[in-house]
Amino acid sequence: MWLKASFVKELSMPTISIARKPYIIGVVGSHRDASPAVMEDARRLGEAIAARGYVLLTGGGPGVMRAACEGAHKAGGLVIGVLPNDRQHPLEKYPNEFVDIPIFTGMYDARNVINAKTPHILVALSGGAGTLSEIAIAIRNGTPVISLHAPPFTLPEDHDFMAVSTVAEVLREIEKKLEKLSRLGRDARPA
C-alpha cells in the first residue's frame, strides 16, 4: 500500500548521507556523567567519527554514551543505540535524544555482547564493570579496542588492545586499524 503524498510530506525528516556498508565504530562508557574532560572527549570523538563518514554505535543511554551520540549527531552522522530495554518497558534516558536508530533488545547487560561484537573497532572511555565486560567481549571476539580514560586493567600483549591519552591518538589508531582490516579483507567495504 502506498502512502498519500501529503502524509509523506508531513513525515519528512532530515536526511543523513552515508556510504553503503560503512565502518562502524563503537564507543562504550559509563551511563553516568564523567568528568567534564571525559565528556568533552566523548563529544569530540563522536563528532570526529561522524565527520569521517563512519557510523557510531553506543549503548544509546545517558552519560558518556550520550556525549558521543551528541557529537556524532551534531556533525550529521548516523547514530545507532543498542538499548538494554525493550519498547514495551521504557527505561529512563534510553534512548537518548541523539540516537537515530534505537535497537530495543530487552537484554539489559547481555546487550554488551552486541555492543562489543558489532563494531569494526571499539573505543572505551570512562566506565565501570559494564565497560570492562564490553572490552573483554570485544577482545575475545577479535575486535580491536582503543582505551581512552577506560578503567585500568592488564592483559597479555597478544591482544589487539591499546591505551591512548588523547582523542587525536584515538583517531590515528582508528585509521591504522581500519587500514589493517581493509588489507586483511575484514572490512565492510564492498570489493
N, C-alpha and C. Protein backbone atom coordinates (compact mmCIF):
# COMPACT_ATOMS: atom_id res chain seq x y z
N MET A 1 0.83 -1.18 0.00
CA MET A 1 0.00 0.00 0.00
C MET A 1 0.88 1.24 0.00
N TRP A 2 0.57 2.18 -0.87
CA TRP A 2 1.35 3.41 -0.98
C TRP A 2 0.78 4.46 -0.05
N LEU A 3 1.65 5.28 0.51
CA LEU A 3 1.22 6.38 1.37
C LEU A 3 0.85 7.58 0.51
N LYS A 4 -0.14 8.31 0.96
CA LYS A 4 -0.53 9.54 0.25
C LYS A 4 0.62 10.54 0.33
N ALA A 5 0.83 11.28 -0.72
CA ALA A 5 1.93 12.24 -0.79
C ALA A 5 1.87 13.26 0.34
N SER A 6 0.67 13.71 0.71
CA SER A 6 0.56 14.70 1.78
C SER A 6 1.04 14.13 3.11
N PHE A 7 0.76 12.85 3.35
CA PHE A 7 1.20 12.20 4.59
C PHE A 7 2.73 12.07 4.60
N VAL A 8 3.30 11.71 3.47
CA VAL A 8 4.75 11.58 3.37
C VAL A 8 5.42 12.92 3.64
N LYS A 9 4.85 14.02 3.11
CA LYS A 9 5.41 15.34 3.36
C LYS A 9 5.41 15.67 4.84
N GLU A 10 4.35 15.28 5.55
CA GLU A 10 4.27 15.53 6.99
C GLU A 10 5.35 14.77 7.75
N LEU A 11 5.76 13.63 7.23
CA LEU A 11 6.77 12.80 7.88
C LEU A 11 8.20 13.16 7.49
N SER A 12 8.36 14.15 6.62
CA SER A 12 9.71 14.45 6.14
C SER A 12 10.64 14.74 7.31
N MET A 13 11.81 14.15 7.24
CA MET A 13 12.80 14.27 8.30
C MET A 13 14.13 14.65 7.69
N PRO A 14 15.03 15.18 8.51
CA PRO A 14 16.37 15.45 7.99
C PRO A 14 17.01 14.17 7.48
N THR A 15 17.84 14.29 6.48
CA THR A 15 18.49 13.11 5.92
C THR A 15 19.94 13.04 6.35
N ILE A 16 20.44 11.83 6.32
CA ILE A 16 21.83 11.56 6.63
C ILE A 16 22.39 10.80 5.44
N SER A 17 23.55 11.18 4.97
CA SER A 17 24.16 10.51 3.85
C SER A 17 25.38 9.74 4.33
N ILE A 18 25.35 8.42 4.13
CA ILE A 18 26.49 7.57 4.49
C ILE A 18 26.76 6.59 3.36
N ALA A 19 27.95 6.07 3.34
CA ALA A 19 28.33 5.08 2.34
C ALA A 19 27.60 3.76 2.63
N ARG A 20 27.41 2.98 1.60
CA ARG A 20 26.89 1.62 1.82
C ARG A 20 27.97 0.82 2.53
N LYS A 21 27.55 -0.04 3.44
CA LYS A 21 28.46 -0.88 4.23
C LYS A 21 29.55 -0.04 4.89
N PRO A 22 29.16 0.95 5.67
CA PRO A 22 30.15 1.83 6.30
C PRO A 22 30.87 1.14 7.45
N TYR A 23 31.97 1.71 7.83
CA TYR A 23 32.63 1.25 9.04
C TYR A 23 31.78 1.65 10.24
N ILE A 24 31.74 0.79 11.22
CA ILE A 24 31.02 1.07 12.46
C ILE A 24 32.04 1.17 13.58
N ILE A 25 32.01 2.29 14.28
CA ILE A 25 32.90 2.49 15.41
C ILE A 25 32.05 2.52 16.67
N GLY A 26 32.36 1.63 17.59
CA GLY A 26 31.63 1.57 18.85
C GLY A 26 32.32 2.44 19.89
N VAL A 27 31.54 3.17 20.65
CA VAL A 27 32.06 3.93 21.78
C VAL A 27 31.28 3.48 23.01
N VAL A 28 32.00 2.95 23.98
CA VAL A 28 31.36 2.48 25.21
C VAL A 28 31.91 3.26 26.39
N GLY A 29 31.09 3.36 27.43
CA GLY A 29 31.50 4.08 28.62
C GLY A 29 30.34 4.20 29.58
N SER A 30 30.58 4.90 30.63
CA SER A 30 29.64 4.99 31.74
C SER A 30 28.30 5.62 31.35
N HIS A 31 27.25 5.12 31.99
CA HIS A 31 25.94 5.74 31.84
C HIS A 31 25.81 6.96 32.76
N ARG A 32 26.81 7.18 33.58
CA ARG A 32 26.84 8.37 34.44
C ARG A 32 27.71 9.44 33.77
N ASP A 33 27.46 10.68 34.13
CA ASP A 33 28.33 11.74 33.63
C ASP A 33 29.71 11.57 34.25
N ALA A 34 30.71 11.61 33.43
CA ALA A 34 32.10 11.52 33.90
C ALA A 34 32.61 12.94 34.12
N SER A 35 33.89 13.08 34.27
CA SER A 35 34.48 14.42 34.44
C SER A 35 34.19 15.25 33.19
N PRO A 36 34.21 16.57 33.34
CA PRO A 36 33.99 17.42 32.15
C PRO A 36 34.96 17.12 31.01
N ALA A 37 36.20 16.80 31.34
CA ALA A 37 37.19 16.49 30.29
C ALA A 37 36.81 15.22 29.53
N VAL A 38 36.37 14.19 30.24
CA VAL A 38 35.98 12.93 29.59
C VAL A 38 34.73 13.15 28.74
N MET A 39 33.77 13.91 29.25
CA MET A 39 32.54 14.17 28.50
C MET A 39 32.86 14.94 27.21
N GLU A 40 33.76 15.90 27.30
CA GLU A 40 34.16 16.67 26.12
C GLU A 40 34.90 15.77 25.13
N ASP A 41 35.77 14.89 25.63
CA ASP A 41 36.45 13.95 24.74
C ASP A 41 35.45 13.04 24.03
N ALA A 42 34.42 12.58 24.75
CA ALA A 42 33.39 11.73 24.14
C ALA A 42 32.66 12.49 23.04
N ARG A 43 32.30 13.74 23.29
CA ARG A 43 31.63 14.56 22.26
C ARG A 43 32.53 14.76 21.04
N ARG A 44 33.78 15.10 21.29
CA ARG A 44 34.73 15.32 20.18
C ARG A 44 34.94 14.03 19.39
N LEU A 45 35.00 12.92 20.09
CA LEU A 45 35.19 11.62 19.42
C LEU A 45 33.98 11.29 18.55
N GLY A 46 32.78 11.47 19.08
CA GLY A 46 31.58 11.22 18.28
C GLY A 46 31.54 12.10 17.04
N GLU A 47 31.88 13.37 17.22
CA GLU A 47 31.90 14.31 16.10
C GLU A 47 32.90 13.87 15.03
N ALA A 48 34.09 13.47 15.45
CA ALA A 48 35.14 13.06 14.50
C ALA A 48 34.77 11.76 13.79
N ILE A 49 34.13 10.85 14.48
CA ILE A 49 33.68 9.60 13.86
C ILE A 49 32.69 9.92 12.74
N ALA A 50 31.73 10.78 13.03
CA ALA A 50 30.74 11.16 12.03
C ALA A 50 31.37 11.92 10.87
N ALA A 51 32.29 12.82 11.17
CA ALA A 51 32.94 13.63 10.13
C ALA A 51 33.70 12.75 9.14
N ARG A 52 34.14 11.59 9.57
CA ARG A 52 34.86 10.67 8.69
C ARG A 52 33.93 9.73 7.93
N GLY A 53 32.63 9.87 8.16
CA GLY A 53 31.66 9.03 7.45
C GLY A 53 31.41 7.69 8.09
N TYR A 54 31.89 7.48 9.30
CA TYR A 54 31.66 6.22 10.00
C TYR A 54 30.34 6.30 10.76
N VAL A 55 29.78 5.16 11.07
CA VAL A 55 28.58 5.07 11.88
C VAL A 55 29.01 4.90 13.33
N LEU A 56 28.35 5.62 14.24
CA LEU A 56 28.63 5.49 15.67
C LEU A 56 27.64 4.51 16.28
N LEU A 57 28.14 3.56 17.04
CA LEU A 57 27.32 2.62 17.78
C LEU A 57 27.63 2.79 19.26
N THR A 58 26.61 2.98 20.08
CA THR A 58 26.78 3.08 21.53
C THR A 58 25.68 2.29 22.21
N GLY A 59 25.69 2.32 23.53
CA GLY A 59 24.61 1.72 24.30
C GLY A 59 23.36 2.58 24.31
N GLY A 60 23.43 3.77 23.70
CA GLY A 60 22.27 4.61 23.48
C GLY A 60 21.70 5.32 24.70
N GLY A 61 22.43 5.31 25.80
CA GLY A 61 21.90 5.89 27.03
C GLY A 61 22.53 7.21 27.41
N PRO A 62 22.47 7.53 28.70
CA PRO A 62 23.00 8.80 29.21
C PRO A 62 24.51 8.74 29.42
N GLY A 63 25.05 9.80 29.98
CA GLY A 63 26.46 9.86 30.36
C GLY A 63 27.38 9.95 29.17
N VAL A 64 28.46 9.16 29.21
CA VAL A 64 29.46 9.16 28.14
C VAL A 64 28.83 8.77 26.81
N MET A 65 27.89 7.82 26.85
CA MET A 65 27.22 7.39 25.61
C MET A 65 26.50 8.58 24.96
N ARG A 66 25.77 9.34 25.76
CA ARG A 66 25.02 10.49 25.25
C ARG A 66 25.97 11.53 24.67
N ALA A 67 27.07 11.77 25.35
CA ALA A 67 28.03 12.77 24.87
C ALA A 67 28.58 12.38 23.49
N ALA A 68 28.93 11.12 23.30
CA ALA A 68 29.43 10.67 21.99
C ALA A 68 28.33 10.77 20.94
N CYS A 69 27.11 10.38 21.31
CA CYS A 69 25.98 10.48 20.38
C CYS A 69 25.72 11.92 19.97
N GLU A 70 25.79 12.82 20.94
CA GLU A 70 25.57 14.23 20.65
C GLU A 70 26.58 14.75 19.63
N GLY A 71 27.85 14.42 19.83
CA GLY A 71 28.88 14.87 18.90
C GLY A 71 28.63 14.35 17.49
N ALA A 72 28.32 13.06 17.37
CA ALA A 72 28.08 12.48 16.05
C ALA A 72 26.83 13.06 15.40
N HIS A 73 25.78 13.19 16.19
CA HIS A 73 24.52 13.71 15.67
C HIS A 73 24.68 15.14 15.15
N LYS A 74 25.33 15.97 15.92
CA LYS A 74 25.51 17.37 15.52
C LYS A 74 26.43 17.51 14.31
N ALA A 75 27.28 16.50 14.07
CA ALA A 75 28.15 16.52 12.90
C ALA A 75 27.47 15.88 11.69
N GLY A 76 26.21 15.48 11.85
CA GLY A 76 25.46 14.92 10.73
C GLY A 76 25.64 13.43 10.53
N GLY A 77 26.17 12.75 11.54
CA GLY A 77 26.41 11.31 11.42
C GLY A 77 25.22 10.47 11.82
N LEU A 78 25.32 9.18 11.53
CA LEU A 78 24.30 8.21 11.89
C LEU A 78 24.68 7.58 13.22
N VAL A 79 23.72 7.55 14.15
CA VAL A 79 23.96 7.04 15.49
C VAL A 79 23.02 5.87 15.78
N ILE A 80 23.63 4.73 16.12
CA ILE A 80 22.87 3.54 16.49
C ILE A 80 23.01 3.36 18.00
N GLY A 81 21.89 3.10 18.67
CA GLY A 81 21.91 2.84 20.11
C GLY A 81 21.38 1.44 20.38
N VAL A 82 22.21 0.59 20.97
CA VAL A 82 21.81 -0.77 21.33
C VAL A 82 21.34 -0.69 22.79
N LEU A 83 20.03 -0.71 22.96
CA LEU A 83 19.41 -0.40 24.24
C LEU A 83 19.18 -1.62 25.12
N PRO A 84 19.25 -1.45 26.43
CA PRO A 84 19.05 -2.58 27.34
C PRO A 84 17.59 -3.00 27.45
N ASN A 85 16.68 -2.08 27.22
CA ASN A 85 15.26 -2.35 27.41
C ASN A 85 14.57 -2.71 26.11
N ASP A 86 13.30 -3.13 26.23
CA ASP A 86 12.50 -3.33 25.02
C ASP A 86 11.50 -2.18 24.93
N ARG A 87 10.86 -2.10 23.80
CA ARG A 87 9.96 -0.97 23.53
C ARG A 87 8.79 -0.92 24.53
N GLN A 88 8.32 -2.06 24.98
CA GLN A 88 7.18 -2.11 25.89
C GLN A 88 7.54 -1.76 27.33
N HIS A 89 8.83 -1.71 27.64
CA HIS A 89 9.28 -1.42 29.00
C HIS A 89 10.29 -0.28 28.96
N PRO A 90 9.78 0.95 28.85
CA PRO A 90 10.68 2.11 28.74
C PRO A 90 11.65 2.18 29.93
N LEU A 91 12.83 2.65 29.64
CA LEU A 91 13.86 2.85 30.65
C LEU A 91 14.29 4.31 30.54
N GLU A 92 14.26 5.02 31.67
CA GLU A 92 14.55 6.44 31.66
C GLU A 92 15.90 6.73 30.99
N LYS A 93 15.88 7.69 30.07
CA LYS A 93 17.05 8.18 29.34
C LYS A 93 17.56 7.23 28.27
N TYR A 94 16.82 6.15 27.97
CA TYR A 94 17.15 5.22 26.89
C TYR A 94 15.99 5.19 25.91
N PRO A 95 16.19 5.51 24.66
CA PRO A 95 17.40 6.04 24.06
C PRO A 95 17.54 7.53 24.37
N ASN A 96 18.77 8.01 24.28
CA ASN A 96 18.96 9.46 24.42
C ASN A 96 18.47 10.13 23.13
N GLU A 97 18.31 11.43 23.20
CA GLU A 97 17.69 12.18 22.11
C GLU A 97 18.54 12.26 20.84
N PHE A 98 19.76 11.78 20.86
CA PHE A 98 20.64 11.86 19.69
C PHE A 98 20.75 10.53 18.94
N VAL A 99 20.07 9.50 19.39
CA VAL A 99 20.09 8.19 18.74
C VAL A 99 19.15 8.22 17.54
N ASP A 100 19.68 7.86 16.35
CA ASP A 100 18.86 7.80 15.14
C ASP A 100 18.17 6.45 15.01
N ILE A 101 18.89 5.39 15.31
CA ILE A 101 18.34 4.04 15.18
C ILE A 101 18.44 3.35 16.54
N PRO A 102 17.33 3.32 17.29
CA PRO A 102 17.35 2.61 18.57
C PRO A 102 17.08 1.12 18.33
N ILE A 103 17.92 0.29 18.89
CA ILE A 103 17.71 -1.16 18.81
C ILE A 103 17.31 -1.62 20.20
N PHE A 104 16.01 -1.89 20.36
CA PHE A 104 15.47 -2.31 21.65
C PHE A 104 15.72 -3.80 21.81
N THR A 105 16.62 -4.18 22.71
CA THR A 105 16.99 -5.59 22.85
C THR A 105 16.24 -6.31 23.95
N GLY A 106 15.87 -5.61 25.02
CA GLY A 106 15.28 -6.28 26.18
C GLY A 106 16.28 -7.19 26.87
N MET A 107 17.57 -7.02 26.58
CA MET A 107 18.62 -7.92 27.08
C MET A 107 19.39 -7.36 28.27
N TYR A 108 19.15 -6.12 28.63
CA TYR A 108 19.86 -5.44 29.71
C TYR A 108 21.37 -5.64 29.55
N ASP A 109 22.09 -6.16 30.54
CA ASP A 109 23.55 -6.25 30.42
C ASP A 109 24.00 -7.19 29.31
N ALA A 110 23.17 -8.13 28.93
CA ALA A 110 23.55 -9.06 27.86
C ALA A 110 23.72 -8.35 26.53
N ARG A 111 23.17 -7.15 26.40
CA ARG A 111 23.35 -6.39 25.16
C ARG A 111 24.80 -6.00 24.93
N ASN A 112 25.62 -6.09 25.98
CA ASN A 112 27.03 -5.76 25.84
C ASN A 112 27.70 -6.62 24.77
N VAL A 113 27.17 -7.82 24.56
CA VAL A 113 27.71 -8.70 23.51
C VAL A 113 27.53 -8.03 22.15
N ILE A 114 26.36 -7.47 21.91
CA ILE A 114 26.09 -6.79 20.64
C ILE A 114 26.98 -5.55 20.51
N ASN A 115 27.07 -4.78 21.59
CA ASN A 115 27.91 -3.57 21.56
C ASN A 115 29.37 -3.90 21.27
N ALA A 116 29.84 -5.04 21.73
CA ALA A 116 31.25 -5.41 21.59
C ALA A 116 31.56 -6.12 20.29
N LYS A 117 30.61 -6.88 19.76
CA LYS A 117 30.88 -7.68 18.56
C LYS A 117 30.49 -7.01 17.25
N THR A 118 29.66 -6.00 17.30
CA THR A 118 29.19 -5.36 16.07
C THR A 118 30.19 -4.41 15.44
N PRO A 119 30.82 -3.53 16.19
CA PRO A 119 31.68 -2.54 15.53
C PRO A 119 32.97 -3.14 14.97
N HIS A 120 33.55 -2.42 14.01
CA HIS A 120 34.86 -2.80 13.49
C HIS A 120 35.94 -2.50 14.52
N ILE A 121 35.74 -1.43 15.29
CA ILE A 121 36.67 -1.02 16.34
C ILE A 121 35.84 -0.53 17.51
N LEU A 122 36.30 -0.84 18.71
CA LEU A 122 35.62 -0.39 19.93
C LEU A 122 36.52 0.59 20.66
N VAL A 123 35.97 1.75 21.01
CA VAL A 123 36.69 2.74 21.81
C VAL A 123 36.03 2.77 23.18
N ALA A 124 36.82 2.56 24.22
CA ALA A 124 36.31 2.52 25.59
C ALA A 124 36.73 3.76 26.35
N LEU A 125 35.74 4.44 26.90
CA LEU A 125 36.01 5.61 27.72
C LEU A 125 35.71 5.27 29.18
N SER A 126 35.64 6.29 30.00
CA SER A 126 35.39 6.12 31.43
C SER A 126 34.17 5.23 31.65
N GLY A 127 34.29 4.30 32.56
CA GLY A 127 33.16 3.41 32.85
C GLY A 127 33.49 2.49 34.00
N GLY A 128 32.67 1.49 34.18
CA GLY A 128 32.85 0.54 35.26
C GLY A 128 32.79 -0.89 34.76
N ALA A 129 32.07 -1.73 35.50
CA ALA A 129 32.01 -3.16 35.18
C ALA A 129 31.40 -3.42 33.80
N GLY A 130 30.38 -2.65 33.42
CA GLY A 130 29.77 -2.84 32.11
C GLY A 130 30.75 -2.55 30.98
N THR A 131 31.50 -1.47 31.14
CA THR A 131 32.51 -1.11 30.14
C THR A 131 33.59 -2.19 30.07
N LEU A 132 34.02 -2.67 31.23
CA LEU A 132 35.03 -3.73 31.25
C LEU A 132 34.52 -4.99 30.57
N SER A 133 33.24 -5.32 30.77
CA SER A 133 32.70 -6.53 30.12
C SER A 133 32.69 -6.35 28.61
N GLU A 134 32.35 -5.15 28.13
CA GLU A 134 32.37 -4.91 26.68
C GLU A 134 33.79 -5.01 26.13
N ILE A 135 34.76 -4.49 26.86
CA ILE A 135 36.16 -4.61 26.43
C ILE A 135 36.55 -6.08 26.34
N ALA A 136 36.24 -6.85 27.37
CA ALA A 136 36.61 -8.28 27.39
C ALA A 136 35.96 -9.05 26.25
N ILE A 137 34.68 -8.80 26.01
CA ILE A 137 33.97 -9.50 24.93
C ILE A 137 34.57 -9.11 23.58
N ALA A 138 34.85 -7.83 23.39
CA ALA A 138 35.44 -7.39 22.13
C ALA A 138 36.79 -8.06 21.89
N ILE A 139 37.63 -8.08 22.91
CA ILE A 139 38.95 -8.69 22.78
C ILE A 139 38.83 -10.18 22.46
N ARG A 140 37.95 -10.87 23.15
CA ARG A 140 37.75 -12.31 22.87
C ARG A 140 37.23 -12.55 21.46
N ASN A 141 36.50 -11.58 20.92
CA ASN A 141 35.93 -11.69 19.58
C ASN A 141 36.90 -11.25 18.50
N GLY A 142 38.02 -10.64 18.88
CA GLY A 142 38.97 -10.15 17.89
C GLY A 142 38.68 -8.73 17.42
N THR A 143 37.78 -8.03 18.10
CA THR A 143 37.51 -6.63 17.77
C THR A 143 38.60 -5.77 18.40
N PRO A 144 39.30 -4.97 17.62
CA PRO A 144 40.32 -4.09 18.20
C PRO A 144 39.69 -3.12 19.20
N VAL A 145 40.40 -2.88 20.31
CA VAL A 145 39.92 -1.98 21.35
C VAL A 145 40.95 -0.89 21.60
N ILE A 146 40.45 0.35 21.62
CA ILE A 146 41.28 1.50 21.96
C ILE A 146 40.71 2.09 23.24
N SER A 147 41.55 2.26 24.22
CA SER A 147 41.12 2.78 25.52
C SER A 147 41.51 4.24 25.67
N LEU A 148 40.53 5.06 26.06
CA LEU A 148 40.77 6.47 26.37
C LEU A 148 40.01 6.73 27.66
N HIS A 149 40.73 6.88 28.75
CA HIS A 149 40.12 7.08 30.07
C HIS A 149 39.35 5.86 30.56
N ALA A 150 39.57 4.69 30.03
CA ALA A 150 38.84 3.49 30.46
C ALA A 150 39.39 3.00 31.80
N PRO A 151 38.60 2.18 32.50
CA PRO A 151 39.09 1.62 33.76
C PRO A 151 40.39 0.85 33.53
N PRO A 152 41.35 0.97 34.43
CA PRO A 152 42.64 0.28 34.23
C PRO A 152 42.53 -1.23 34.48
N PHE A 153 43.27 -1.97 33.69
CA PHE A 153 43.41 -3.42 33.86
C PHE A 153 44.60 -3.85 33.02
N THR A 154 45.04 -5.08 33.19
CA THR A 154 46.18 -5.57 32.41
C THR A 154 45.76 -6.78 31.59
N LEU A 155 46.44 -6.95 30.47
CA LEU A 155 46.20 -8.05 29.55
C LEU A 155 47.53 -8.55 29.01
N PRO A 156 47.57 -9.81 28.61
CA PRO A 156 48.78 -10.25 27.89
C PRO A 156 48.90 -9.43 26.61
N GLU A 157 50.09 -9.29 26.11
CA GLU A 157 50.32 -8.40 24.96
C GLU A 157 49.86 -8.96 23.63
N ASP A 158 49.31 -10.17 23.59
CA ASP A 158 48.90 -10.73 22.31
C ASP A 158 47.46 -10.37 21.92
N HIS A 159 46.88 -9.38 22.58
CA HIS A 159 45.54 -8.92 22.25
C HIS A 159 45.60 -7.57 21.55
N ASP A 160 44.59 -7.30 20.71
CA ASP A 160 44.54 -6.04 19.98
C ASP A 160 43.90 -4.98 20.88
N PHE A 161 44.66 -4.51 21.84
CA PHE A 161 44.21 -3.53 22.82
C PHE A 161 45.29 -2.47 22.96
N MET A 162 44.86 -1.21 22.94
CA MET A 162 45.82 -0.12 23.08
C MET A 162 45.21 0.98 23.92
N ALA A 163 45.97 1.49 24.88
CA ALA A 163 45.55 2.64 25.68
C ALA A 163 46.24 3.88 25.15
N VAL A 164 45.45 4.94 24.95
CA VAL A 164 45.97 6.22 24.48
C VAL A 164 45.49 7.33 25.42
N SER A 165 46.00 8.53 25.21
CA SER A 165 45.70 9.64 26.12
C SER A 165 44.86 10.76 25.54
N THR A 166 44.73 10.81 24.20
CA THR A 166 44.01 11.93 23.59
C THR A 166 43.07 11.44 22.48
N VAL A 167 42.10 12.29 22.15
CA VAL A 167 41.19 11.98 21.05
C VAL A 167 41.97 11.89 19.74
N ALA A 168 42.95 12.75 19.54
CA ALA A 168 43.76 12.70 18.31
C ALA A 168 44.45 11.34 18.17
N GLU A 169 44.97 10.81 19.28
CA GLU A 169 45.60 9.48 19.24
C GLU A 169 44.58 8.40 18.91
N VAL A 170 43.38 8.50 19.48
CA VAL A 170 42.32 7.54 19.17
C VAL A 170 42.06 7.54 17.67
N LEU A 171 41.90 8.72 17.10
CA LEU A 171 41.58 8.82 15.68
C LEU A 171 42.70 8.27 14.80
N ARG A 172 43.95 8.53 15.17
CA ARG A 172 45.08 7.96 14.41
C ARG A 172 45.03 6.43 14.47
N GLU A 173 44.77 5.89 15.65
CA GLU A 173 44.72 4.43 15.81
C GLU A 173 43.53 3.83 15.06
N ILE A 174 42.39 4.52 15.05
CA ILE A 174 41.24 4.03 14.28
C ILE A 174 41.63 3.91 12.82
N GLU A 175 42.26 4.94 12.27
CA GLU A 175 42.66 4.92 10.86
C GLU A 175 43.63 3.78 10.58
N LYS A 176 44.62 3.59 11.47
CA LYS A 176 45.59 2.50 11.28
C LYS A 176 44.89 1.14 11.32
N LYS A 177 43.99 0.96 12.28
CA LYS A 177 43.33 -0.33 12.44
C LYS A 177 42.36 -0.61 11.28
N LEU A 178 41.68 0.42 10.79
CA LEU A 178 40.79 0.23 9.64
C LEU A 178 41.60 -0.10 8.39
N GLU A 179 42.75 0.53 8.23
CA GLU A 179 43.63 0.21 7.10
C GLU A 179 44.07 -1.26 7.17
N LYS A 180 44.43 -1.70 8.36
CA LYS A 180 44.83 -3.10 8.55
C LYS A 180 43.67 -4.05 8.26
N LEU A 181 42.47 -3.73 8.75
CA LEU A 181 41.30 -4.58 8.47
C LEU A 181 41.03 -4.65 6.97
N SER A 182 41.20 -3.52 6.29
CA SER A 182 40.99 -3.48 4.85
C SER A 182 41.99 -4.38 4.13
N ARG A 183 43.27 -4.30 4.53
CA ARG A 183 44.31 -5.15 3.91
C ARG A 183 44.02 -6.63 4.15
N LEU A 184 43.47 -6.96 5.32
CA LEU A 184 43.18 -8.35 5.65
C LEU A 184 41.86 -8.84 5.04
N GLY A 185 41.13 -7.90 4.41
CA GLY A 185 39.84 -8.28 3.84
C GLY A 185 38.76 -8.45 4.87
N ARG A 186 38.92 -7.84 6.05
CA ARG A 186 37.93 -7.98 7.12
C ARG A 186 37.13 -6.71 7.33
N ASP A 187 37.11 -5.86 6.32
CA ASP A 187 36.32 -4.64 6.45
C ASP A 187 34.94 -4.85 5.87
N ALA A 188 34.11 -3.85 5.96
CA ALA A 188 32.73 -3.95 5.47
C ALA A 188 32.58 -3.40 4.07
N ARG A 189 33.66 -2.88 3.52
CA ARG A 189 33.57 -2.24 2.21
C ARG A 189 33.36 -3.29 1.12
N PRO A 190 32.54 -2.97 0.12
CA PRO A 190 32.37 -3.91 -0.98
C PRO A 190 33.65 -4.05 -1.78
N ALA A 191 33.84 -5.20 -2.38
CA ALA A 191 35.06 -5.47 -3.15
C ALA A 191 35.10 -4.68 -4.44
